[in-house]
Amino acid sequence: MVFTGLEQSVLNRVQHDFPLVRDPFTEMSRELSLHEDEFLTCVRSLKAGGVIRNISGIFNADRLGYVTVLCAFQVGDDDIDDAVRTINAHPGVSHNYLRKHRYNLWFTLTSESDEKLKKSVRFLREKTRAADHLLFKNERLLKIGLILHVGGDELPDDARSPAPSSQNDPGYTPLSDGERETIRLLQHDLPLEPFPFARLLSTDAGSLDEDSFLDHSRALREKRVLRRYCAVMRHNKAGFTSNAMTVWKPAGDTDLDRIARIFYARPSISHLYLRSAYPGEWEYPLFAMIHARSDGELDEIIRGLARESGLGKYQVLPTLREFKKERVTYFSPRFREWEAEAGI
């Protein structure tokens, strides 16, 4: 897809953290030396065309008291469609993909506790008739969040994601009633009009006034409960049509911090984790999700990573089909409703 210069500027800006102020669109338009109406009209057009998926908050689940795991199920070809319906019905499933591997269904599952997570996995495995499965917990988050730079081959330095984490977030952060209400509202898609937060509060009958809402929002970002508030693009609409989950096996004496810096420096990598390993069964703990404009570019990125990192043992798991991609709605009654229906 070919974007105009205006569209490029707007897309590259809205993927970054929005200013949490009364009228963020006006502030961002001033940053780009654009008129507010021109900026907002462009955002509306890109949203209507499906380039922008949504504008809302992205949260650190563990700081909200939730637990998340990456699940890999081995499901027979004849059972795929039924399995997908069963998996996607869980309100804690945000992503679900068919990948080219013996473990062919890969999905992220979020739950309110370890016990409920385990019960959910057992239920889903039984209902999908999965022959085998693996669960991958996040041992260390190195990078998360993709900014698809439009209009150039590489991201400028100030357009990259936050620096790689040396450890996971410390865990649950107690929340006030006002903060919980703010989180509920920040998960809604932002109205595309001037003073959008006021509109959000009025249409959702929120119990907060605008000043309190914005104060709570900024505080949640400071405490790293709110990771980012931004627009998320549809990769294929932005021209990034090839992607694959890659898994890598570092040697025992590998300097993981050096490897993390090499992988992090690639703007095409959106997610980078050290996850669970199972000796003799799964020995690839480094997970890197890579996005590219073509299969050739994707292959080139992977070969370059192998060359620069010195990691010769890896697997590439291309995405064959996307079955679900949406954010988990935290503090939603749907969790309890699903558990009641499942008898958990």
C-alpha atoms as a PDB file:
ATOM      1  CA  MET A   1       0.000   0.000   0.000  1.00  0.00           C
ATOM      2  CA  VAL A   2       1.348   3.433  -0.929  1.00  0.00           C
ATOM      3  CA  PHE A   3       0.869   6.207   1.629  1.00  0.00           C
ATOM      4  CA  THR A   4       0.995   9.951   1.053  1.00  0.00           C
ATOM      5  CA  GLY A   5       3.540  12.043   2.907  1.00  0.00           C
ATOM      6  CA  LEU A   6       0.807  13.208   5.282  1.00  0.00           C
ATOM      7  CA  GLU A   7      -0.295   9.641   5.995  1.00  0.00           C
ATOM      8  CA  GLN A   8       3.278   8.570   6.635  1.00  0.00           C
ATOM      9  CA  SER A   9       3.805  11.359   9.163  1.00  0.00           C
ATOM     10  CA  VAL A  10       0.524  10.671  10.944  1.00  0.00           C
ATOM     11  CA  LEU A  11       1.008   6.893  11.063  1.00  0.00           C
ATOM     12  CA  ASN A  12       4.529   7.186  12.395  1.00  0.00           C
ATOM     13  CA  ARG A  13       3.308   9.550  15.133  1.00  0.00           C
ATOM     14  CA  VAL A  14       0.178   7.785  16.367  1.00  0.00           C
ATOM     15  CA  GLN A  15       2.014   4.506  16.959  1.00  0.00           C
ATOM     16  CA  HIS A  16       3.953   6.240  19.747  1.00  0.00           C
ATOM     17  CA  ASP A  17       2.567   7.032  23.172  1.00  0.00           C
ATOM     18  CA  PHE A  18      -0.317   9.503  22.968  1.00  0.00           C
ATOM     19  CA  PRO A  19      -0.089  12.560  25.206  1.00  0.00           C
ATOM     20  CA  LEU A  20      -2.549  11.922  28.032  1.00  0.00           C
ATOM     21  CA  VAL A  21      -4.098  15.394  27.907  1.00  0.00           C
ATOM     22  CA  ARG A  22      -7.559  16.751  27.175  1.00  0.00           C
ATOM     23  CA  ASP A  23      -7.004  17.050  23.438  1.00  0.00           C
ATOM     24  CA  PRO A  24      -4.163  14.733  22.343  1.00  0.00           C
ATOM     25  CA  PHE A  25      -4.939  15.130  18.635  1.00  0.00           C
ATOM     26  CA  THR A  26      -4.309  18.877  18.789  1.00  0.00           C
ATOM     27  CA  GLU A  27      -1.014  18.372  20.611  1.00  0.00           C
ATOM     28  CA  MET A  28       0.181  15.741  18.122  1.00  0.00           C
ATOM     29  CA  SER A  29      -0.845  17.873  15.151  1.00  0.00           C
ATOM     30  CA  ARG A  30       1.235  20.748  16.546  1.00  0.00           C
ATOM     31  CA  GLU A  31       4.234  18.426  16.866  1.00  0.00           C
ATOM     32  CA  LEU A  32       3.952  17.772  13.124  1.00  0.00           C
ATOM     33  CA  SER A  33       3.145  21.394  12.220  1.00  0.00           C
ATOM     34  CA  LEU A  34      -0.256  20.337  10.899  1.00  0.00           C
ATOM     35  CA  HIS A  35      -3.706  21.795  11.392  1.00  0.00           C
ATOM     36  CA  GLU A  36      -5.773  19.769  13.849  1.00  0.00           C
ATOM     37  CA  ASP A  37      -8.547  19.149  11.309  1.00  0.00           C
ATOM     38  CA  GLU A  38      -6.023  17.869   8.758  1.00  0.00           C
ATOM     39  CA  PHE A  39      -4.442  15.523  11.317  1.00  0.00           C
ATOM     40  CA  LEU A  40      -7.754  14.175  12.612  1.00  0.00           C
ATOM     41  CA  THR A  41      -9.258  13.741   9.129  1.00  0.00           C
ATOM     42  CA  CYS A  42      -6.212  11.686   8.152  1.00  0.00           C
ATOM     43  CA  VAL A  43      -6.528   9.472  11.255  1.00  0.00           C
ATOM     44  CA  ARG A  44     -10.227   8.895  10.507  1.00  0.00           C
ATOM     45  CA  SER A  45      -9.422   7.946   6.921  1.00  0.00           C
ATOM     46  CA  LEU A  46      -6.715   5.488   7.978  1.00  0.00           C
ATOM     47  CA  LYS A  47      -9.050   3.941  10.551  1.00  0.00           C
ATOM     48  CA  ALA A  48     -11.886   3.635   8.019  1.00  0.00           C
ATOM     49  CA  GLY A  49      -9.482   1.995   5.565  1.00  0.00           C
ATOM     50  CA  GLY A  50      -8.467  -0.606   8.121  1.00  0.00           C
ATOM     51  CA  VAL A  51      -4.854   0.539   8.420  1.00  0.00           C
ATOM     52  CA  ILE A  52      -5.311   1.584  12.043  1.00  0.00           C
ATOM     53  CA  ARG A  53      -6.812  -1.276  14.026  1.00  0.00           C
ATOM     54  CA  ASN A  54      -7.652   0.632  17.196  1.00  0.00           C
ATOM     55  CA  ILE A  55      -6.425   3.245  19.650  1.00  0.00           C
ATOM     56  CA  SER A  56      -6.399   2.174  23.285  1.00  0.00           C
ATOM     57  CA  GLY A  57      -4.223   1.256  26.236  1.00  0.00           C
ATOM     58  CA  ILE A  58      -1.706  -1.580  26.358  1.00  0.00           C
ATOM     59  CA  PHE A  59      -1.175  -2.929  29.874  1.00  0.00           C
ATOM     60  CA  ASN A  60       1.296  -5.115  31.740  1.00  0.00           C
ATOM     61  CA  ALA A  61      -0.975  -8.013  32.694  1.00  0.00           C
ATOM     62  CA  ASP A  62       1.061  -9.167  35.683  1.00  0.00           C
ATOM     63  CA  ARG A  63       0.781  -5.726  37.263  1.00  0.00           C
ATOM     64  CA  LEU A  64      -2.995  -6.123  37.110  1.00  0.00           C
ATOM     65  CA  GLY A  65      -2.854  -9.476  38.910  1.00  0.00           C
ATOM     66  CA  TYR A  66      -3.242 -11.636  35.784  1.00  0.00           C
ATOM     67  CA  VAL A  67      -1.050 -14.496  34.574  1.00  0.00           C
ATOM     68  CA  THR A  68      -0.278 -15.188  30.918  1.00  0.00           C
ATOM     69  CA  VAL A  69       1.168 -18.168  29.075  1.00  0.00           C
ATOM     70  CA  LEU A  70       1.896 -19.021  25.440  1.00  0.00           C
ATOM     71  CA  CYS A  71       0.223 -22.319  24.530  1.00  0.00           C
ATOM     72  CA  ALA A  72       1.216 -24.626  21.690  1.00  0.00           C
ATOM     73  CA  PHE A  73      -1.326 -27.341  20.832  1.00  0.00           C
ATOM     74  CA  GLN A  74      -0.928 -30.240  18.437  1.00  0.00           C
ATOM     75  CA  VAL A  75      -4.342 -30.568  16.810  1.00  0.00           C
ATOM     76  CA  GLY A  76      -5.360 -32.823  13.933  1.00  0.00           C
ATOM     77  CA  ASP A  77      -6.138 -31.125  10.616  1.00  0.00           C
ATOM     78  CA  ASP A  78      -9.768 -32.281  10.720  1.00  0.00           C
ATOM     79  CA  ASP A  79     -10.215 -30.780  14.197  1.00  0.00           C
ATOM     80  CA  ILE A  80      -8.719 -27.353  13.524  1.00  0.00           C
ATOM     81  CA  ASP A  81     -11.948 -25.417  12.910  1.00  0.00           C
ATOM     82  CA  ASP A  82     -13.707 -26.776  16.003  1.00  0.00           C
ATOM     83  CA  ALA A  83     -10.580 -26.257  18.079  1.00  0.00           C
ATOM     84  CA  VAL A  84     -10.302 -22.645  16.983  1.00  0.00           C
ATOM     85  CA  ARG A  85     -13.902 -21.914  17.957  1.00  0.00           C
ATOM     86  CA  THR A  86     -13.322 -23.481  21.375  1.00  0.00           C
ATOM     87  CA  ILE A  87     -10.063 -21.633  22.009  1.00  0.00           C
ATOM     88  CA  ASN A  88     -11.273 -18.261  20.730  1.00  0.00           C
ATOM     89  CA  ALA A  89     -14.307 -18.371  23.021  1.00  0.00           C
ATOM     90  CA  HIS A  90     -12.043 -17.944  26.037  1.00  0.00           C
ATOM     91  CA  PRO A  91     -11.991 -14.220  26.964  1.00  0.00           C
ATOM     92  CA  GLY A  92      -8.327 -14.501  27.937  1.00  0.00           C
ATOM     93  CA  VAL A  93      -7.189 -15.575  24.463  1.00  0.00           C
ATOM     94  CA  SER A  94      -5.821 -12.527  22.665  1.00  0.00           C
ATOM     95  CA  HIS A  95      -3.855 -14.116  19.791  1.00  0.00           C
ATOM     96  CA  ASN A  96      -4.414 -17.426  18.034  1.00  0.00           C
ATOM     97  CA  TYR A  97      -2.460 -18.559  14.964  1.00  0.00           C
ATOM     98  CA  LEU A  98      -2.001 -21.600  12.789  1.00  0.00           C
ATOM     99  CA  ARG A  99       1.730 -22.152  12.325  1.00  0.00           C
ATOM    100  CA  LYS A 100       3.768 -24.506  10.191  1.00  0.00           C
ATOM    101  CA  HIS A 101       4.941 -26.939  12.873  1.00  0.00           C
ATOM    102  CA  ARG A 102       3.992 -30.182  14.607  1.00  0.00           C
ATOM    103  CA  TYR A 103       2.566 -27.930  17.296  1.00  0.00           C
ATOM    104  CA  ASN A 104       0.273 -26.099  14.926  1.00  0.00           C
ATOM    105  CA  LEU A 105      -2.055 -23.970  17.084  1.00  0.00           C
ATOM    106  CA  TRP A 106      -0.299 -21.225  19.045  1.00  0.00           C
ATOM    107  CA  PHE A 107      -2.289 -18.927  21.300  1.00  0.00           C
ATOM    108  CA  THR A 108      -1.739 -16.647  24.287  1.00  0.00           C
ATOM    109  CA  LEU A 109      -3.927 -17.344  27.303  1.00  0.00           C
ATOM    110  CA  THR A 110      -4.471 -14.934  30.188  1.00  0.00           C
ATOM    111  CA  SER A 111      -6.267 -15.784  33.414  1.00  0.00           C
ATOM    112  CA  GLU A 112      -6.875 -14.323  36.847  1.00  0.00           C
ATOM    113  CA  SER A 113      -4.725 -16.882  38.712  1.00  0.00           C
ATOM    114  CA  ASP A 114      -2.334 -19.792  38.167  1.00  0.00           C
ATOM    115  CA  GLU A 115      -5.003 -22.239  39.296  1.00  0.00           C
ATOM    116  CA  LYS A 116      -7.595 -20.930  36.838  1.00  0.00           C
ATOM    117  CA  LEU A 117      -4.984 -20.902  34.080  1.00  0.00           C
ATOM    118  CA  LYS A 118      -4.153 -24.566  34.621  1.00  0.00           C
ATOM    119  CA  LYS A 119      -7.837 -25.518  34.696  1.00  0.00           C
ATOM    120  CA  SER A 120      -8.452 -23.560  31.495  1.00  0.00           C
ATOM    121  CA  VAL A 121      -5.576 -25.315  29.705  1.00  0.00           C
ATOM    122  CA  ARG A 122      -6.861 -28.743  30.782  1.00  0.00           C
ATOM    123  CA  PHE A 123     -10.366 -27.876  29.591  1.00  0.00           C
ATOM    124  CA  LEU A 124      -9.135 -26.548  26.236  1.00  0.00           C
ATOM    125  CA  ARG A 125      -6.871 -29.516  25.594  1.00  0.00           C
ATOM    126  CA  GLU A 126      -9.717 -31.943  26.270  1.00  0.00           C
ATOM    127  CA  LYS A 127     -12.247 -30.057  24.152  1.00  0.00           C
ATOM    128  CA  THR A 128      -9.879 -29.560  21.206  1.00  0.00           C
ATOM    129  CA  ARG A 129      -8.698 -33.184  21.295  1.00  0.00           C
ATOM    130  CA  ALA A 130      -5.104 -31.970  21.211  1.00  0.00           C
ATOM    131  CA  ALA A 131      -2.655 -34.865  20.968  1.00  0.00           C
ATOM    132  CA  ASP A 132       0.044 -32.919  22.813  1.00  0.00           C
ATOM    133  CA  HIS A 133       0.765 -29.460  24.128  1.00  0.00           C
ATOM    134  CA  LEU A 134       3.478 -27.238  25.564  1.00  0.00           C
ATOM    135  CA  LEU A 135       3.157 -24.219  27.831  1.00  0.00           C
ATOM    136  CA  PHE A 136       5.689 -21.394  27.662  1.00  0.00           C
ATOM    137  CA  LYS A 137       5.915 -18.999  30.565  1.00  0.00           C
ATOM    138  CA  ASN A 138       7.757 -15.729  30.122  1.00  0.00           C
ATOM    139  CA  GLU A 139      11.009 -16.062  32.008  1.00  0.00           C
ATOM    140  CA  ARG A 140      12.306 -12.719  30.824  1.00  0.00           C
ATOM    141  CA  LEU A 141      10.742 -10.000  28.676  1.00  0.00           C
ATOM    142  CA  LEU A 142      13.343  -8.424  26.419  1.00  0.00           C
ATOM    143  CA  LYS A 143      11.208  -6.389  24.033  1.00  0.00           C
ATOM    144  CA  ILE A 144       7.559  -5.902  23.259  1.00  0.00           C
ATOM    145  CA  GLY A 145       5.774  -3.566  20.899  1.00  0.00           C
ATOM    146  CA  LEU A 146       6.200  -2.974  17.196  1.00  0.00           C
ATOM    147  CA  ILE A 147       6.297   0.429  15.557  1.00  0.00           C
ATOM    148  CA  LEU A 148       5.942  -0.058  11.817  1.00  0.00           C
ATOM    149  CA  HIS A 149       7.872   2.842  10.357  1.00  0.00           C
ATOM    150  CA  VAL A 150       6.133   3.924   7.155  1.00  0.00           C
ATOM    151  CA  GLY A 151       8.004   5.586   4.329  1.00  0.00           C
ATOM    152  CA  GLY A 152      11.537   4.300   4.871  1.00  0.00           C
ATOM    153  CA  ASP A 153      13.582   1.150   5.172  1.00  0.00           C
ATOM    154  CA  GLU A 154      14.750   1.594   8.743  1.00  0.00           C
ATOM    155  CA  LEU A 155      13.411   3.151  11.917  1.00  0.00           C
ATOM    156  CA  PRO A 156      15.102   6.275  13.179  1.00  0.00           C
ATOM    157  CA  ASP A 157      16.659   5.872  16.619  1.00  0.00           C
ATOM    158  CA  ASP A 158      13.882   7.766  18.382  1.00  0.00           C
ATOM    159  CA  ALA A 159      11.176   5.579  16.794  1.00  0.00           C
ATOM    160  CA  ARG A 160      12.249   2.342  18.431  1.00  0.00           C
ATOM    161  CA  SER A 161      10.538   0.540  21.278  1.00  0.00           C
ATOM    162  CA  PRO A 162      11.699   1.021  24.875  1.00  0.00           C
ATOM    163  CA  ALA A 163      15.079  -0.447  25.798  1.00  0.00           C
ATOM    164  CA  PRO A 164      15.281  -4.194  26.464  1.00  0.00           C
ATOM    165  CA  SER A 165      14.214  -5.219  29.937  1.00  0.00           C
ATOM    166  CA  SER A 166      16.719  -6.882  32.210  1.00  0.00           C
ATOM    167  CA  GLN A 167      13.947  -8.606  34.136  1.00  0.00           C
ATOM    168  CA  ASN A 168      10.205  -9.078  34.207  1.00  0.00           C
ATOM    169  CA  ASP A 169       7.934  -6.571  35.906  1.00  0.00           C
ATOM    170  CA  PRO A 170       7.895  -7.123  39.651  1.00  0.00           C
ATOM    171  CA  GLY A 171       4.273  -8.161  39.679  1.00  0.00           C
ATOM    172  CA  TYR A 172       0.895  -7.086  40.914  1.00  0.00           C
ATOM    173  CA  THR A 173       0.389  -3.428  41.775  1.00  0.00           C
ATOM    174  CA  PRO A 174      -2.526  -2.645  44.159  1.00  0.00           C
ATOM    175  CA  LEU A 175      -5.099  -0.483  42.409  1.00  0.00           C
ATOM    176  CA  SER A 176      -7.592   2.030  43.734  1.00  0.00           C
ATOM    177  CA  ASP A 177     -11.202   2.048  42.581  1.00  0.00           C
ATOM    178  CA  GLY A 178     -10.446   5.111  40.462  1.00  0.00           C
ATOM    179  CA  GLU A 179      -7.506   3.379  38.796  1.00  0.00           C
ATOM    180  CA  ARG A 180      -9.568   0.278  38.033  1.00  0.00           C
ATOM    181  CA  GLU A 181     -12.257   2.461  36.460  1.00  0.00           C
ATOM    182  CA  THR A 182      -9.599   4.299  34.467  1.00  0.00           C
ATOM    183  CA  ILE A 183      -8.186   0.992  33.204  1.00  0.00           C
ATOM    184  CA  ARG A 184     -11.664  -0.103  32.155  1.00  0.00           C
ATOM    185  CA  LEU A 185     -12.086   3.069  30.114  1.00  0.00           C
ATOM    186  CA  LEU A 186      -8.586   3.078  28.632  1.00  0.00           C
ATOM    187  CA  GLN A 187      -9.327  -0.305  27.050  1.00  0.00           C
ATOM    188  CA  HIS A 188     -12.069   1.230  24.869  1.00  0.00           C
ATOM    189  CA  ASP A 189     -11.316   2.421  21.354  1.00  0.00           C
ATOM    190  CA  LEU A 190     -10.683   6.165  21.448  1.00  0.00           C
ATOM    191  CA  PRO A 191     -13.291   8.370  19.701  1.00  0.00           C
ATOM    192  CA  LEU A 192     -11.803  10.203  16.730  1.00  0.00           C
ATOM    193  CA  GLU A 193     -12.842  13.746  17.563  1.00  0.00           C
ATOM    194  CA  PRO A 194     -11.532  16.742  19.492  1.00  0.00           C
ATOM    195  CA  PHE A 195     -11.387  16.213  23.265  1.00  0.00           C
ATOM    196  CA  PRO A 196     -11.811  12.435  22.825  1.00  0.00           C
ATOM    197  CA  PHE A 197     -11.409  11.485  26.494  1.00  0.00           C
ATOM    198  CA  ALA A 198     -14.339  13.700  27.485  1.00  0.00           C
ATOM    199  CA  ARG A 199     -16.436  11.957  24.835  1.00  0.00           C
ATOM    200  CA  LEU A 200     -15.248   8.568  26.098  1.00  0.00           C
ATOM    201  CA  LEU A 201     -16.286   9.449  29.631  1.00  0.00           C
ATOM    202  CA  SER A 202     -19.684  10.818  28.599  1.00  0.00           C
ATOM    203  CA  THR A 203     -20.687   7.962  26.278  1.00  0.00           C
ATOM    204  CA  ASP A 204     -19.592   5.253  28.724  1.00  0.00           C
ATOM    205  CA  ALA A 205     -21.249   6.869  31.744  1.00  0.00           C
ATOM    206  CA  GLY A 206     -17.980   6.666  33.644  1.00  0.00           C
ATOM    207  CA  SER A 207     -17.892   7.630  37.321  1.00  0.00           C
ATOM    208  CA  LEU A 208     -14.788   9.819  36.891  1.00  0.00           C
ATOM    209  CA  ASP A 209     -14.466  13.420  35.823  1.00  0.00           C
ATOM    210  CA  GLU A 210     -11.963  14.219  33.085  1.00  0.00           C
ATOM    211  CA  ASP A 211      -9.245  15.624  35.355  1.00  0.00           C
ATOM    212  CA  SER A 212      -9.315  12.573  37.648  1.00  0.00           C
ATOM    213  CA  PHE A 213      -9.302  10.232  34.673  1.00  0.00           C
ATOM    214  CA  LEU A 214      -6.253  11.920  33.128  1.00  0.00           C
ATOM    215  CA  ASP A 215      -4.435  12.066  36.486  1.00  0.00           C
ATOM    216  CA  HIS A 216      -5.024   8.338  37.017  1.00  0.00           C
ATOM    217  CA  SER A 217      -3.945   7.589  33.425  1.00  0.00           C
ATOM    218  CA  ARG A 218      -0.640   9.389  33.828  1.00  0.00           C
ATOM    219  CA  ALA A 219      -0.031   7.749  37.209  1.00  0.00           C
ATOM    220  CA  LEU A 220      -0.698   4.291  35.743  1.00  0.00           C
ATOM    221  CA  ARG A 221       1.855   4.991  33.032  1.00  0.00           C
ATOM    222  CA  GLU A 222       4.400   6.160  35.597  1.00  0.00           C
ATOM    223  CA  LYS A 223       3.887   2.933  37.577  1.00  0.00           C
ATOM    224  CA  ARG A 224       4.240   0.920  34.340  1.00  0.00           C
ATOM    225  CA  VAL A 225       0.779  -0.565  34.716  1.00  0.00           C
ATOM    226  CA  LEU A 226      -0.097   1.192  31.465  1.00  0.00           C
ATOM    227  CA  ARG A 227       2.682   0.238  29.069  1.00  0.00           C
ATOM    228  CA  ARG A 228       1.571   2.473  26.188  1.00  0.00           C
ATOM    229  CA  TYR A 229      -1.469   4.325  24.913  1.00  0.00           C
ATOM    230  CA  CYS A 230      -1.302   4.375  21.132  1.00  0.00           C
ATOM    231  CA  ALA A 231      -2.671   3.303  17.781  1.00  0.00           C
ATOM    232  CA  VAL A 232      -2.076  -0.250  16.612  1.00  0.00           C
ATOM    233  CA  MET A 233      -1.792  -0.901  12.891  1.00  0.00           C
ATOM    234  CA  ARG A 234      -2.770  -3.899  10.816  1.00  0.00           C
ATOM    235  CA  HIS A 235       0.586  -5.185   9.590  1.00  0.00           C
ATOM    236  CA  ASN A 236      -0.591  -6.338   6.187  1.00  0.00           C
ATOM    237  CA  LYS A 237      -2.364  -3.046   5.483  1.00  0.00           C
ATOM    238  CA  ALA A 238       0.875  -1.218   6.228  1.00  0.00           C
ATOM    239  CA  GLY A 239       2.783  -3.347   3.730  1.00  0.00           C
ATOM    240  CA  PHE A 240       4.319  -5.806   6.234  1.00  0.00           C
ATOM    241  CA  THR A 241       2.830  -8.946   4.710  1.00  0.00           C
ATOM    242  CA  SER A 242       5.381 -11.564   5.827  1.00  0.00           C
ATOM    243  CA  ASN A 243       5.905 -12.596   9.415  1.00  0.00           C
ATOM    244  CA  ALA A 244       7.120 -15.556  11.402  1.00  0.00           C
ATOM    245  CA  MET A 245       7.727 -16.588  14.957  1.00  0.00           C
ATOM    246  CA  THR A 246      11.344 -17.653  15.268  1.00  0.00           C
ATOM    247  CA  VAL A 247      12.800 -19.685  18.141  1.00  0.00           C
ATOM    248  CA  TRP A 248      16.500 -19.881  18.941  1.00  0.00           C
ATOM    249  CA  LYS A 249      18.751 -22.172  20.995  1.00  0.00           C
ATOM    250  CA  PRO A 250      21.618 -20.361  22.725  1.00  0.00           C
ATOM    251  CA  ALA A 251      24.611 -22.444  23.799  1.00  0.00           C
ATOM    252  CA  GLY A 252      25.195 -22.863  27.509  1.00  0.00           C
ATOM    253  CA  ASP A 253      27.950 -20.239  27.614  1.00  0.00           C
ATOM    254  CA  THR A 254      26.103 -17.673  25.483  1.00  0.00           C
ATOM    255  CA  ASP A 255      26.112 -14.069  26.675  1.00  0.00           C
ATOM    256  CA  LEU A 256      22.339 -13.513  26.659  1.00  0.00           C
ATOM    257  CA  ASP A 257      22.645  -9.778  27.258  1.00  0.00           C
ATOM    258  CA  ARG A 258      24.717  -9.468  24.066  1.00  0.00           C
ATOM    259  CA  ILE A 259      22.177 -11.543  22.148  1.00  0.00           C
ATOM    260  CA  ALA A 260      19.320  -9.438  23.532  1.00  0.00           C
ATOM    261  CA  ARG A 261      20.985  -6.247  22.298  1.00  0.00           C
ATOM    262  CA  ILE A 262      21.475  -7.698  18.808  1.00  0.00           C
ATOM    263  CA  PHE A 263      17.859  -8.849  18.480  1.00  0.00           C
ATOM    264  CA  TYR A 264      16.455  -5.722  20.097  1.00  0.00           C
ATOM    265  CA  ALA A 265      18.259  -3.512  17.598  1.00  0.00           C
ATOM    266  CA  ARG A 266      16.190  -4.981  14.757  1.00  0.00           C
ATOM    267  CA  PRO A 267      13.105  -2.757  14.369  1.00  0.00           C
ATOM    268  CA  SER A 268      11.329  -5.632  12.587  1.00  0.00           C
ATOM    269  CA  ILE A 269      11.185  -7.650  15.834  1.00  0.00           C
ATOM    270  CA  SER A 270       8.038  -6.890  17.797  1.00  0.00           C
ATOM    271  CA  HIS A 271       8.237  -9.460  20.605  1.00  0.00           C
ATOM    272  CA  LEU A 272      11.361 -10.899  22.194  1.00  0.00           C
ATOM    273  CA  TYR A 273      11.206 -13.251  25.170  1.00  0.00           C
ATOM    274  CA  LEU A 274      13.145 -15.884  27.034  1.00  0.00           C
ATOM    275  CA  ARG A 275      10.571 -18.572  27.696  1.00  0.00           C
ATOM    276  CA  SER A 276      10.345 -22.040  29.198  1.00  0.00           C
ATOM    277  CA  ALA A 277      12.539 -24.809  27.788  1.00  0.00           C
ATOM    278  CA  TYR A 278      11.922 -28.556  28.013  1.00  0.00           C
ATOM    279  CA  PRO A 279      15.173 -30.557  27.694  1.00  0.00           C
ATOM    280  CA  GLY A 280      14.839 -33.232  25.031  1.00  0.00           C
ATOM    281  CA  GLU A 281      11.463 -31.893  23.912  1.00  0.00           C
ATOM    282  CA  TRP A 282      11.818 -28.140  23.320  1.00  0.00           C
ATOM    283  CA  GLU A 283      15.241 -26.540  23.561  1.00  0.00           C
ATOM    284  CA  TYR A 284      14.569 -23.151  21.952  1.00  0.00           C
ATOM    285  CA  PRO A 285      13.920 -20.668  24.788  1.00  0.00           C
ATOM    286  CA  LEU A 286      14.539 -17.438  22.847  1.00  0.00           C
ATOM    287  CA  PHE A 287      11.375 -16.351  20.979  1.00  0.00           C
ATOM    288  CA  ALA A 288      11.469 -13.525  18.426  1.00  0.00           C
ATOM    289  CA  MET A 289       8.480 -12.399  16.362  1.00  0.00           C
ATOM    290  CA  ILE A 290       9.659 -10.865  13.076  1.00  0.00           C
ATOM    291  CA  HIS A 291       7.728  -8.752  10.542  1.00  0.00           C
ATOM    292  CA  ALA A 292       8.858  -7.960   6.991  1.00  0.00           C
ATOM    293  CA  ARG A 293       7.565  -6.565   3.709  1.00  0.00           C
ATOM    294  CA  SER A 294       8.263  -9.769   1.767  1.00  0.00           C
ATOM    295  CA  ASP A 295       9.328 -13.391   2.241  1.00  0.00           C
ATOM    296  CA  GLY A 296      12.738 -12.509   0.841  1.00  0.00           C
ATOM    297  CA  GLU A 297      13.203  -9.687   3.329  1.00  0.00           C
ATOM    298  CA  LEU A 298      12.086 -11.989   6.145  1.00  0.00           C
ATOM    299  CA  ASP A 299      14.659 -14.616   5.159  1.00  0.00           C
ATOM    300  CA  GLU A 300      17.354 -11.949   4.966  1.00  0.00           C
ATOM    301  CA  ILE A 301      16.537 -10.673   8.465  1.00  0.00           C
ATOM    302  CA  ILE A 302      16.682 -14.193   9.921  1.00  0.00           C
ATOM    303  CA  ARG A 303      19.981 -15.004   8.227  1.00  0.00           C
ATOM    304  CA  GLY A 304      21.417 -11.704   9.446  1.00  0.00           C
ATOM    305  CA  LEU A 305      20.379 -12.425  13.019  1.00  0.00           C
ATOM    306  CA  ALA A 306      21.952 -15.866  12.890  1.00  0.00           C
ATOM    307  CA  ARG A 307      25.154 -14.452  11.448  1.00  0.00           C
ATOM    308  CA  GLU A 308      25.481 -11.561  13.885  1.00  0.00           C
ATOM    309  CA  SER A 309      24.436 -13.461  17.009  1.00  0.00           C
ATOM    310  CA  GLY A 310      26.294 -16.672  16.225  1.00  0.00           C
ATOM    311  CA  LEU A 311      23.157 -18.689  17.037  1.00  0.00           C
ATOM    312  CA  GLY A 312      23.144 -21.488  14.478  1.00  0.00           C
ATOM    313  CA  LYS A 313      20.298 -23.529  15.926  1.00  0.00           C
ATOM    314  CA  TYR A 314      16.883 -22.048  15.310  1.00  0.00           C
ATOM    315  CA  GLN A 315      13.471 -22.794  13.837  1.00  0.00           C
ATOM    316  CA  VAL A 316      11.157 -20.622  11.771  1.00  0.00           C
ATOM    317  CA  LEU A 317       7.417 -21.026  12.346  1.00  0.00           C
ATOM    318  CA  PRO A 318       5.584 -19.039   9.649  1.00  0.00           C
ATOM    319  CA  THR A 319       2.067 -17.793  10.284  1.00  0.00           C
ATOM    320  CA  LEU A 320      -0.318 -19.724   8.047  1.00  0.00           C
ATOM    321  CA  ARG A 321      -3.572 -18.242   9.345  1.00  0.00           C
ATOM    322  CA  GLU A 322      -4.588 -15.649  11.911  1.00  0.00           C
ATOM    323  CA  PHE A 323      -7.634 -16.772  13.891  1.00  0.00           C
ATOM    324  CA  LYS A 324      -7.785 -14.118  16.581  1.00  0.00           C
ATOM    325  CA  LYS A 325      -5.972 -10.903  17.391  1.00  0.00           C
ATOM    326  CA  GLU A 326      -7.476  -8.630  19.989  1.00  0.00           C
ATOM    327  CA  ARG A 327      -6.610  -7.269  23.372  1.00  0.00           C
ATOM    328  CA  VAL A 328      -7.761  -8.950  26.548  1.00  0.00           C
ATOM    329  CA  THR A 329     -10.392  -6.931  28.395  1.00  0.00           C
ATOM    330  CA  TYR A 330      -9.196  -6.882  31.988  1.00  0.00           C
ATOM    331  CA  PHE A 331     -11.672  -6.953  34.896  1.00  0.00           C
ATOM    332  CA  SER A 332     -14.345  -8.213  32.505  1.00  0.00           C
ATOM    333  CA  PRO A 333     -17.257 -10.376  33.775  1.00  0.00           C
ATOM    334  CA  ARG A 334     -16.709 -12.582  30.704  1.00  0.00           C
ATOM    335  CA  PHE A 335     -13.995 -14.480  32.591  1.00  0.00           C
ATOM    336  CA  ARG A 336     -16.445 -15.623  35.274  1.00  0.00           C
ATOM    337  CA  GLU A 337     -19.113 -16.363  32.674  1.00  0.00           C
ATOM    338  CA  TRP A 338     -16.739 -18.562  30.649  1.00  0.00           C
ATOM    339  CA  GLU A 339     -15.578 -20.393  33.775  1.00  0.00           C
ATOM    340  CA  ALA A 340     -19.168 -21.080  34.811  1.00  0.00           C
ATOM    341  CA  GLU A 341     -20.016 -22.467  31.371  1.00  0.00           C
ATOM    342  CA  ALA A 342     -16.862 -24.605  31.398  1.00  0.00           C
ATOM    343  CA  GLY A 343     -17.515 -25.855  34.931  1.00  0.00           C
ATOM    344  CA  ILE A 344     -14.210 -24.484  36.198  1.00  0.00           C
END
